[in-house]
PDB file of all heavy atoms in Angstrom:
ATOM      1  N   PRO A   1       8.674 -78.205  66.019  1.00  0.00           N
ATOM      2  CA  PRO A   1       8.311 -79.493  66.616  1.00  0.00           C
ATOM      3  C   PRO A   1       7.045 -80.071  65.997  1.00  0.00           C
ATOM      4  O   PRO A   1       6.036 -79.378  65.853  1.00  0.00           O
ATOM      5  CB  PRO A   1       8.099 -79.147  68.091  1.00  0.00           C
ATOM      6  CG  PRO A   1       8.966 -77.955  68.318  1.00  0.00           C
ATOM      7  CD  PRO A   1       8.874 -77.167  67.041  1.00  0.00           C
ATOM      8  N   GLY A   2       7.099 -81.336  65.604  1.00  0.00           N
ATOM      9  CA  GLY A   2       5.948 -82.008  65.029  1.00  0.00           C
ATOM     10  C   GLY A   2       5.676 -81.690  63.582  1.00  0.00           C
ATOM     11  O   GLY A   2       4.689 -82.183  63.024  1.00  0.00           O
ATOM     12  N   LYS A   3       6.510 -80.877  62.959  1.00  0.00           N
ATOM     13  CA  LYS A   3       6.314 -80.499  61.567  1.00  0.00           C
ATOM     14  C   LYS A   3       7.505 -80.924  60.721  1.00  0.00           C
ATOM     15  O   LYS A   3       8.598 -81.166  61.233  1.00  0.00           O
ATOM     16  CB  LYS A   3       6.102 -78.993  61.439  1.00  0.00           C
ATOM     17  CG  LYS A   3       4.843 -78.481  62.107  1.00  0.00           C
ATOM     18  CD  LYS A   3       4.641 -77.004  61.828  1.00  0.00           C
ATOM     19  CE  LYS A   3       3.351 -76.498  62.433  1.00  0.00           C
ATOM     20  NZ  LYS A   3       3.142 -75.049  62.150  1.00  0.00           N
ATOM     21  N   GLN A   4       7.276 -81.021  59.415  1.00  0.00           N
ATOM     22  CA  GLN A   4       8.343 -81.356  58.492  1.00  0.00           C
ATOM     23  C   GLN A   4       9.256 -80.153  58.265  1.00  0.00           C
ATOM     24  O   GLN A   4       8.841 -79.004  58.405  1.00  0.00           O
ATOM     25  CB  GLN A   4       7.776 -81.832  57.155  1.00  0.00           C
ATOM     26  CG  GLN A   4       7.042 -83.162  57.231  1.00  0.00           C
ATOM     27  CD  GLN A   4       6.667 -83.682  55.861  1.00  0.00           C
ATOM     28  OE1 GLN A   4       6.379 -82.906  54.955  1.00  0.00           O
ATOM     29  NE2 GLN A   4       6.685 -84.997  55.713  1.00  0.00           N
ATOM     30  N   ARG A   5      10.492 -80.444  57.911  1.00  0.00           N
ATOM     31  CA  ARG A   5      11.416 -79.393  57.558  1.00  0.00           C
ATOM     32  C   ARG A   5      10.966 -78.724  56.265  1.00  0.00           C
ATOM     33  O   ARG A   5      10.589 -79.406  55.307  1.00  0.00           O
ATOM     34  CB  ARG A   5      12.828 -79.966  57.402  1.00  0.00           C
ATOM     35  CG  ARG A   5      13.896 -78.922  57.187  1.00  0.00           C
ATOM     36  CD  ARG A   5      15.289 -79.540  57.166  1.00  0.00           C
ATOM     37  NE  ARG A   5      15.604 -80.212  58.415  1.00  0.00           N
ATOM     38  CZ  ARG A   5      16.806 -80.685  58.728  1.00  0.00           C
ATOM     39  NH1 ARG A   5      17.817 -80.547  57.873  1.00  0.00           N
ATOM     40  NH2 ARG A   5      16.998 -81.296  59.876  1.00  0.00           N
ATOM     41  N   GLU A   6      10.994 -77.397  56.242  1.00  0.00           N
ATOM     42  CA  GLU A   6      10.574 -76.667  55.060  1.00  0.00           C
ATOM     43  C   GLU A   6      11.660 -75.704  54.614  1.00  0.00           C
ATOM     44  O   GLU A   6      12.414 -75.164  55.427  1.00  0.00           O
ATOM     45  CB  GLU A   6       9.274 -75.890  55.316  1.00  0.00           C
ATOM     46  CG  GLU A   6       9.412 -74.728  56.285  1.00  0.00           C
ATOM     47  CD  GLU A   6       8.206 -73.802  56.300  1.00  0.00           C
ATOM     48  OE1 GLU A   6       7.383 -73.844  55.367  1.00  0.00           O
ATOM     49  OE2 GLU A   6       8.083 -73.016  57.272  1.00  0.00           O
ATOM     50  N   LEU A   7      11.710 -75.498  53.316  1.00  0.00           N
ATOM     51  CA  LEU A   7      12.605 -74.495  52.758  1.00  0.00           C
ATOM     52  C   LEU A   7      12.020 -73.119  53.027  1.00  0.00           C
ATOM     53  O   LEU A   7      10.885 -72.830  52.645  1.00  0.00           O
ATOM     54  CB  LEU A   7      12.781 -74.706  51.257  1.00  0.00           C
ATOM     55  CG  LEU A   7      13.583 -73.638  50.508  1.00  0.00           C
ATOM     56  CD1 LEU A   7      15.031 -73.614  50.981  1.00  0.00           C
ATOM     57  CD2 LEU A   7      13.515 -73.875  49.007  1.00  0.00           C
ATOM     58  N   VAL A   8      12.804 -72.261  53.677  1.00  0.00           N
ATOM     59  CA  VAL A   8      12.390 -70.895  53.956  1.00  0.00           C
ATOM     60  C   VAL A   8      12.814 -69.977  52.824  1.00  0.00           C
ATOM     61  O   VAL A   8      12.023 -69.182  52.310  1.00  0.00           O
ATOM     62  CB  VAL A   8      12.983 -70.401  55.287  1.00  0.00           C
ATOM     63  CG1 VAL A   8      12.565 -68.958  55.562  1.00  0.00           C
ATOM     64  CG2 VAL A   8      12.553 -71.310  56.434  1.00  0.00           C
ATOM     65  N   THR A   9      14.073 -70.070  52.442  1.00  0.00           N
ATOM     66  CA  THR A   9      14.634 -69.213  51.407  1.00  0.00           C
ATOM     67  C   THR A   9      15.930 -69.812  50.900  1.00  0.00           C
ATOM     68  O   THR A   9      16.598 -70.564  51.611  1.00  0.00           O
ATOM     69  CB  THR A   9      14.893 -67.791  51.957  1.00  0.00           C
ATOM     70  OG1 THR A   9      15.485 -66.967  50.952  1.00  0.00           O
ATOM     71  CG2 THR A   9      15.814 -67.838  53.178  1.00  0.00           C
ATOM     72  N   ASN A  10      16.277 -69.487  49.666  1.00  0.00           N
ATOM     73  CA  ASN A  10      17.601 -69.812  49.172  1.00  0.00           C
ATOM     74  C   ASN A  10      18.063 -68.737  48.208  1.00  0.00           C
ATOM     75  O   ASN A  10      17.284 -67.889  47.769  1.00  0.00           O
ATOM     76  CB  ASN A  10      17.684 -71.211  48.554  1.00  0.00           C
ATOM     77  CG  ASN A  10      16.797 -71.408  47.338  1.00  0.00           C
ATOM     78  OD1 ASN A  10      16.266 -70.459  46.756  1.00  0.00           O
ATOM     79  ND2 ASN A  10      16.626 -72.667  46.942  1.00  0.00           N
ATOM     80  N   ILE A  11      19.355 -68.790  47.910  1.00  0.00           N
ATOM     81  CA  ILE A  11      19.957 -67.807  47.023  1.00  0.00           C
ATOM     82  C   ILE A  11      20.960 -68.532  46.134  1.00  0.00           C
ATOM     83  O   ILE A  11      21.798 -69.296  46.603  1.00  0.00           O
ATOM     84  CB  ILE A  11      20.612 -66.658  47.824  1.00  0.00           C
ATOM     85  CG1 ILE A  11      21.174 -65.583  46.890  1.00  0.00           C
ATOM     86  CG2 ILE A  11      21.686 -67.182  48.781  1.00  0.00           C
ATOM     87  CD1 ILE A  11      21.538 -64.287  47.626  1.00  0.00           C
ATOM     88  N   SER A  12      20.855 -68.304  44.844  1.00  0.00           N
ATOM     89  CA  SER A  12      21.695 -69.000  43.890  1.00  0.00           C
ATOM     90  C   SER A  12      23.086 -68.393  43.848  1.00  0.00           C
ATOM     91  O   SER A  12      23.353 -67.335  44.424  1.00  0.00           O
ATOM     92  CB  SER A  12      21.065 -68.943  42.498  1.00  0.00           C
ATOM     93  OG  SER A  12      21.179 -67.637  41.961  1.00  0.00           O
ATOM     94  N   SER A  13      23.973 -69.080  43.143  1.00  0.00           N
ATOM     95  CA  SER A  13      25.320 -68.550  42.966  1.00  0.00           C
ATOM     96  C   SER A  13      25.304 -67.205  42.252  1.00  0.00           C
ATOM     97  O   SER A  13      26.214 -66.400  42.441  1.00  0.00           O
ATOM     98  CB  SER A  13      26.185 -69.549  42.195  1.00  0.00           C
ATOM     99  OG  SER A  13      25.661 -69.791  40.901  1.00  0.00           O
ATOM    100  N   GLY A  14      24.278 -66.957  41.448  1.00  0.00           N
ATOM    101  CA  GLY A  14      24.129 -65.691  40.758  1.00  0.00           C
ATOM    102  C   GLY A  14      23.406 -64.621  41.542  1.00  0.00           C
ATOM    103  O   GLY A  14      23.218 -63.511  41.031  1.00  0.00           O
ATOM    104  N   GLY A  15      22.968 -64.937  42.754  1.00  0.00           N
ATOM    105  CA  GLY A  15      22.354 -63.947  43.616  1.00  0.00           C
ATOM    106  C   GLY A  15      20.841 -63.872  43.563  1.00  0.00           C
ATOM    107  O   GLY A  15      20.251 -62.970  44.176  1.00  0.00           O
ATOM    108  N   ARG A  16      20.188 -64.783  42.855  1.00  0.00           N
ATOM    109  CA  ARG A  16      18.727 -64.791  42.826  1.00  0.00           C
ATOM    110  C   ARG A  16      18.175 -65.476  44.056  1.00  0.00           C
ATOM    111  O   ARG A  16      18.603 -66.568  44.406  1.00  0.00           O
ATOM    112  CB  ARG A  16      18.216 -65.485  41.571  1.00  0.00           C
ATOM    113  CG  ARG A  16      18.466 -64.705  40.297  1.00  0.00           C
ATOM    114  CD  ARG A  16      17.780 -65.365  39.120  1.00  0.00           C
ATOM    115  NE  ARG A  16      16.339 -65.389  39.279  1.00  0.00           N
ATOM    116  CZ  ARG A  16      15.493 -64.548  38.707  1.00  0.00           C
ATOM    117  NH1 ARG A  16      15.958 -63.585  37.916  1.00  0.00           N
ATOM    118  NH2 ARG A  16      14.199 -64.659  38.903  1.00  0.00           N
ATOM    119  N   ALA A  17      17.201 -64.838  44.691  1.00  0.00           N
ATOM    120  CA  ALA A  17      16.640 -65.334  45.935  1.00  0.00           C
ATOM    121  C   ALA A  17      15.195 -65.772  45.768  1.00  0.00           C
ATOM    122  O   ALA A  17      14.441 -65.204  44.975  1.00  0.00           O
ATOM    123  CB  ALA A  17      16.725 -64.261  47.018  1.00  0.00           C
ATOM    124  N   ASN A  18      14.801 -66.782  46.526  1.00  0.00           N
ATOM    125  CA  ASN A  18      13.429 -67.277  46.587  1.00  0.00           C
ATOM    126  C   ASN A  18      13.007 -67.360  48.039  1.00  0.00           C
ATOM    127  O   ASN A  18      13.831 -67.626  48.918  1.00  0.00           O
ATOM    128  CB  ASN A  18      13.315 -68.663  45.948  1.00  0.00           C
ATOM    129  CG  ASN A  18      13.766 -68.684  44.514  1.00  0.00           C
ATOM    130  OD1 ASN A  18      13.088 -68.165  43.641  1.00  0.00           O
ATOM    131  ND2 ASN A  18      14.934 -69.267  44.261  1.00  0.00           N
ATOM    132  N   TYR A  19      11.706 -67.159  48.290  1.00  0.00           N
ATOM    133  CA  TYR A  19      11.179 -67.186  49.646  1.00  0.00           C
ATOM    134  C   TYR A  19       9.866 -67.936  49.691  1.00  0.00           C
ATOM    135  O   TYR A  19       9.042 -67.839  48.773  1.00  0.00           O
ATOM    136  CB  TYR A  19      10.931 -65.776  50.184  1.00  0.00           C
ATOM    137  CG  TYR A  19      12.150 -64.895  50.221  1.00  0.00           C
ATOM    138  CD1 TYR A  19      12.489 -64.098  49.139  1.00  0.00           C
ATOM    139  CD2 TYR A  19      12.957 -64.857  51.354  1.00  0.00           C
ATOM    140  CE1 TYR A  19      13.610 -63.285  49.175  1.00  0.00           C
ATOM    141  CE2 TYR A  19      14.077 -64.046  51.400  1.00  0.00           C
ATOM    142  CZ  TYR A  19      14.399 -63.261  50.302  1.00  0.00           C
ATOM    143  OH  TYR A  19      15.512 -62.454  50.353  1.00  0.00           O
ATOM    144  N   VAL A  20       9.649 -68.665  50.777  1.00  0.00           N
ATOM    145  CA  VAL A  20       8.338 -69.235  51.015  1.00  0.00           C
ATOM    146  C   VAL A  20       7.367 -68.079  51.300  1.00  0.00           C
ATOM    147  O   VAL A  20       7.754 -67.036  51.844  1.00  0.00           O
ATOM    148  CB  VAL A  20       8.389 -70.238  52.186  1.00  0.00           C
ATOM    149  CG1 VAL A  20       8.670 -69.540  53.503  1.00  0.00           C
ATOM    150  CG2 VAL A  20       7.129 -71.069  52.253  1.00  0.00           C
ATOM    151  N   ASP A  21       6.106 -68.248  50.887  1.00  0.00           N
ATOM    152  CA  ASP A  21       5.145 -67.151  50.981  1.00  0.00           C
ATOM    153  C   ASP A  21       5.018 -66.576  52.385  1.00  0.00           C
ATOM    154  O   ASP A  21       4.823 -65.368  52.559  1.00  0.00           O
ATOM    155  CB  ASP A  21       3.773 -67.607  50.499  1.00  0.00           C
ATOM    156  CG  ASP A  21       3.686 -67.743  48.994  1.00  0.00           C
ATOM    157  OD1 ASP A  21       4.565 -67.220  48.285  1.00  0.00           O
ATOM    158  OD2 ASP A  21       2.721 -68.372  48.521  1.00  0.00           O
ATOM    159  N   SER A  22       5.127 -67.411  53.397  1.00  0.00           N
ATOM    160  CA  SER A  22       4.898 -66.971  54.758  1.00  0.00           C
ATOM    161  C   SER A  22       5.934 -65.985  55.285  1.00  0.00           C
ATOM    162  O   SER A  22       5.696 -65.320  56.295  1.00  0.00           O
ATOM    163  CB  SER A  22       4.824 -68.175  55.704  1.00  0.00           C
ATOM    164  OG  SER A  22       6.027 -68.914  55.674  1.00  0.00           O
ATOM    165  N   VAL A  23       7.083 -65.865  54.614  1.00  0.00           N
ATOM    166  CA  VAL A  23       8.121 -64.949  55.089  1.00  0.00           C
ATOM    167  C   VAL A  23       8.402 -63.820  54.114  1.00  0.00           C
ATOM    168  O   VAL A  23       9.219 -62.936  54.427  1.00  0.00           O
ATOM    169  CB  VAL A  23       9.438 -65.688  55.410  1.00  0.00           C
ATOM    170  CG1 VAL A  23       9.177 -66.882  56.319  1.00  0.00           C
ATOM    171  CG2 VAL A  23      10.166 -66.118  54.141  1.00  0.00           C
ATOM    172  N   LYS A  24       7.746 -63.805  52.977  1.00  0.00           N
ATOM    173  CA  LYS A  24       7.984 -62.750  51.996  1.00  0.00           C
ATOM    174  C   LYS A  24       7.693 -61.380  52.589  1.00  0.00           C
ATOM    175  O   LYS A  24       6.671 -61.171  53.231  1.00  0.00           O
ATOM    176  CB  LYS A  24       7.129 -62.973  50.747  1.00  0.00           C
ATOM    177  CG  LYS A  24       7.611 -64.103  49.871  1.00  0.00           C
ATOM    178  CD  LYS A  24       6.741 -64.260  48.625  1.00  0.00           C
ATOM    179  CE  LYS A  24       7.259 -65.373  47.737  1.00  0.00           C
ATOM    180  NZ  LYS A  24       6.395 -65.586  46.551  1.00  0.00           N
ATOM    181  N   GLY A  25       8.611 -60.462  52.371  1.00  0.00           N
ATOM    182  CA  GLY A  25       8.480 -59.122  52.899  1.00  0.00           C
ATOM    183  C   GLY A  25       9.018 -58.950  54.293  1.00  0.00           C
ATOM    184  O   GLY A  25       9.155 -57.813  54.763  1.00  0.00           O
ATOM    185  N   ARG A  26       9.323 -60.048  54.976  1.00  0.00           N
ATOM    186  CA  ARG A  26       9.853 -59.991  56.335  1.00  0.00           C
ATOM    187  C   ARG A  26      11.285 -60.485  56.447  1.00  0.00           C
ATOM    188  O   ARG A  26      12.061 -59.966  57.251  1.00  0.00           O
ATOM    189  CB  ARG A  26       8.970 -60.810  57.284  1.00  0.00           C
ATOM    190  CG  ARG A  26       7.526 -60.333  57.351  1.00  0.00           C
ATOM    191  CD  ARG A  26       6.756 -61.051  58.455  1.00  0.00           C
ATOM    192  NE  ARG A  26       6.681 -62.495  58.230  1.00  0.00           N
ATOM    193  CZ  ARG A  26       7.162 -63.411  59.068  1.00  0.00           C
ATOM    194  NH1 ARG A  26       7.750 -63.040  60.202  1.00  0.00           N
ATOM    195  NH2 ARG A  26       7.035 -64.704  58.787  1.00  0.00           N
ATOM    196  N   PHE A  27      11.634 -61.504  55.663  1.00  0.00           N
ATOM    197  CA  PHE A  27      12.964 -62.098  55.720  1.00  0.00           C
ATOM    198  C   PHE A  27      13.753 -61.725  54.473  1.00  0.00           C
ATOM    199  O   PHE A  27      13.189 -61.594  53.382  1.00  0.00           O
ATOM    200  CB  PHE A  27      12.883 -63.623  55.783  1.00  0.00           C
ATOM    201  CG  PHE A  27      12.352 -64.191  57.068  1.00  0.00           C
ATOM    202  CD1 PHE A  27      11.754 -63.397  58.035  1.00  0.00           C
ATOM    203  CD2 PHE A  27      12.456 -65.554  57.303  1.00  0.00           C
ATOM    204  CE1 PHE A  27      11.259 -63.940  59.212  1.00  0.00           C
ATOM    205  CE2 PHE A  27      11.970 -66.112  58.477  1.00  0.00           C
ATOM    206  CZ  PHE A  27      11.372 -65.308  59.426  1.00  0.00           C
ATOM    207  N   THR A  28      15.064 -61.596  54.634  1.00  0.00           N
ATOM    208  CA  THR A  28      15.953 -61.322  53.517  1.00  0.00           C
ATOM    209  C   THR A  28      17.188 -62.205  53.620  1.00  0.00           C
ATOM    210  O   THR A  28      17.862 -62.208  54.652  1.00  0.00           O
ATOM    211  CB  THR A  28      16.389 -59.851  53.480  1.00  0.00           C
ATOM    212  OG1 THR A  28      15.242 -59.004  53.432  1.00  0.00           O
ATOM    213  CG2 THR A  28      17.258 -59.588  52.255  1.00  0.00           C
ATOM    214  N   ILE A  29      17.472 -62.945  52.557  1.00  0.00           N
ATOM    215  CA  ILE A  29      18.686 -63.744  52.499  1.00  0.00           C
ATOM    216  C   ILE A  29      19.741 -62.974  51.711  1.00  0.00           C
ATOM    217  O   ILE A  29      19.423 -62.268  50.750  1.00  0.00           O
ATOM    218  CB  ILE A  29      18.426 -65.129  51.862  1.00  0.00           C
ATOM    219  CG1 ILE A  29      19.651 -66.041  52.004  1.00  0.00           C
ATOM    220  CG2 ILE A  29      18.005 -65.001  50.406  1.00  0.00           C
ATOM    221  CD1 ILE A  29      19.391 -67.492  51.593  1.00  0.00           C
ATOM    222  N   SER A  30      20.984 -63.099  52.134  1.00  0.00           N
ATOM    223  CA  SER A  30      22.082 -62.476  51.420  1.00  0.00           C
ATOM    224  C   SER A  30      23.322 -63.334  51.577  1.00  0.00           C
ATOM    225  O   SER A  30      23.387 -64.203  52.451  1.00  0.00           O
ATOM    226  CB  SER A  30      22.342 -61.050  51.923  1.00  0.00           C
ATOM    227  OG  SER A  30      22.701 -61.045  53.294  1.00  0.00           O
ATOM    228  N   ARG A  31      24.296 -63.106  50.713  1.00  0.00           N
ATOM    229  CA  ARG A  31      25.532 -63.870  50.799  1.00  0.00           C
ATOM    230  C   ARG A  31      26.718 -62.957  50.584  1.00  0.00           C
ATOM    231  O   ARG A  31      26.648 -61.970  49.842  1.00  0.00           O
ATOM    232  CB  ARG A  31      25.545 -65.027  49.781  1.00  0.00           C
ATOM    233  CG  ARG A  31      25.530 -64.598  48.317  1.00  0.00           C
ATOM    234  CD  ARG A  31      25.270 -65.803  47.398  1.00  0.00           C
ATOM    235  NE  ARG A  31      26.322 -66.799  47.503  1.00  0.00           N
ATOM    236  CZ  ARG A  31      26.185 -68.072  47.136  1.00  0.00           C
ATOM    237  NH1 ARG A  31      25.024 -68.501  46.645  1.00  0.00           N
ATOM    238  NH2 ARG A  31      27.203 -68.909  47.268  1.00  0.00           N
TER     239      ARG A  31
END
C-alpha cells in the first residue's frame, strides 16, 4: 500500500534467475 510495484524476481526461459537485493537468500523462484 502506498508504494510502487516492484520486480521481486524473474526467471528466463533458460532458467536464469534474478532477485531484488531485499529478498536474496530468502526467496527462490522456480518453474
